[in-house]
Protein backbone atom coordinates (compact mmCIF):
# COMPACT_ATOMS: atom_id res chain seq x y z
CA UNK A 1 76.81 44.19 104.83
CA UNK A 2 79.42 43.91 102.09
CA UNK A 3 79.06 40.15 102.21
CA UNK A 4 75.32 40.41 101.41
CA UNK A 5 76.05 42.79 98.53
CA UNK A 6 78.50 40.30 97.05
CA UNK A 7 75.93 37.51 97.32
CA UNK A 8 73.32 39.65 95.57
CA UNK A 9 75.80 40.62 92.87
CA UNK A 10 76.72 37.02 92.16
CA UNK A 11 73.02 36.27 91.63
CA UNK A 12 72.94 38.72 88.75
CA UNK A 13 75.79 37.07 86.89
CA UNK A 14 74.61 33.48 86.80
CA UNK A 15 74.12 33.04 83.08
CA UNK A 16 75.87 34.52 80.07
CA UNK A 17 73.07 36.00 77.95
CA UNK A 18 75.32 37.20 75.13
CA UNK A 19 75.05 33.81 73.37
CA UNK A 20 72.26 34.19 70.80
CA UNK A 21 72.35 30.52 69.79
CA UNK A 22 69.67 29.77 72.37
CA UNK A 23 67.12 32.13 70.84
CA UNK A 24 64.19 30.67 68.93
CA UNK A 25 64.39 32.59 65.66
CA UNK A 26 61.49 30.61 64.09
CA UNK A 27 58.97 32.84 65.87
CA UNK A 28 60.75 36.11 65.12
CA UNK A 29 59.16 38.80 62.96
CA UNK A 30 60.74 41.48 60.81
CA UNK A 31 60.01 44.96 62.14
CA UNK A 32 60.34 48.22 60.22
CA UNK A 33 61.04 51.38 62.17
CA UNK A 34 59.72 53.94 59.69
CA UNK A 35 60.36 56.88 62.01
CA UNK A 36 64.09 56.19 62.15
CA UNK A 37 64.70 57.49 58.66
CA UNK A 38 66.88 60.59 58.45
CA UNK A 39 64.75 63.70 58.84
CA UNK A 40 66.83 65.77 56.44
CA UNK A 41 68.00 65.47 52.86
CA UNK A 42 71.37 66.65 51.66
CA UNK A 43 71.28 69.02 48.69
CA UNK A 44 73.86 70.88 46.67
CA UNK A 45 73.24 74.59 46.19
CA UNK A 46 75.44 76.93 44.22
CA UNK A 47 75.51 80.49 45.54
CA UNK A 48 77.51 83.52 44.49
CA UNK A 49 80.51 84.03 46.79
CA UNK A 50 79.26 87.43 47.93
CA UNK A 51 75.84 86.10 48.91
CA UNK A 52 77.32 83.22 50.86
CA UNK A 53 79.67 85.63 52.64
CA UNK A 54 76.71 87.83 53.63
CA UNK A 55 74.76 84.83 54.88
CA UNK A 56 77.72 83.62 56.93
CA UNK A 57 78.25 87.11 58.36
CA UNK A 58 74.59 87.47 59.39
CA UNK A 59 74.56 83.98 60.86
CA UNK A 60 77.71 84.77 62.84
CA UNK A 61 76.07 87.91 64.27
CA UNK A 62 73.20 85.73 65.51
CA UNK A 63 75.58 83.00 66.75
CA UNK A 64 73.88 80.42 64.53
CA UNK A 65 75.53 78.01 62.06
CA UNK A 66 75.12 79.45 58.58
CA UNK A 67 73.29 76.40 57.21
CA UNK A 68 70.77 76.61 60.05
CA UNK A 69 70.40 80.33 59.36
CA UNK A 70 69.70 79.58 55.69
CA UNK A 71 66.99 77.09 56.74
CA UNK A 72 65.45 79.74 58.98
CA UNK A 73 65.43 82.26 56.13
CA UNK A 74 63.84 79.79 53.72
CA UNK A 75 61.17 78.75 56.23
CA UNK A 76 60.34 82.39 56.99
CA UNK A 77 60.09 83.23 53.30
CA UNK A 78 57.71 80.32 52.73
CA UNK A 79 55.55 81.32 55.70
CA UNK A 80 55.10 84.80 54.20
CA UNK A 81 53.55 83.31 51.04
């Protein structure tokens, strides 16, 4: 049985496909993957030390990263409006 497995395996490795020189690039098309853009934007936000400490403390109580907790608070505040 092992002999048959080796024969089958050798059939898979007949040609090296890592050489791109054999590709016909004349028919290729440029593709844009619009959905692969980052879904978040980095911002800089200055907060008083005491407020940031309170946010971190509350986030820690809920076992959530403080930045995620801030996003939750902002989303909830906007939903109330």
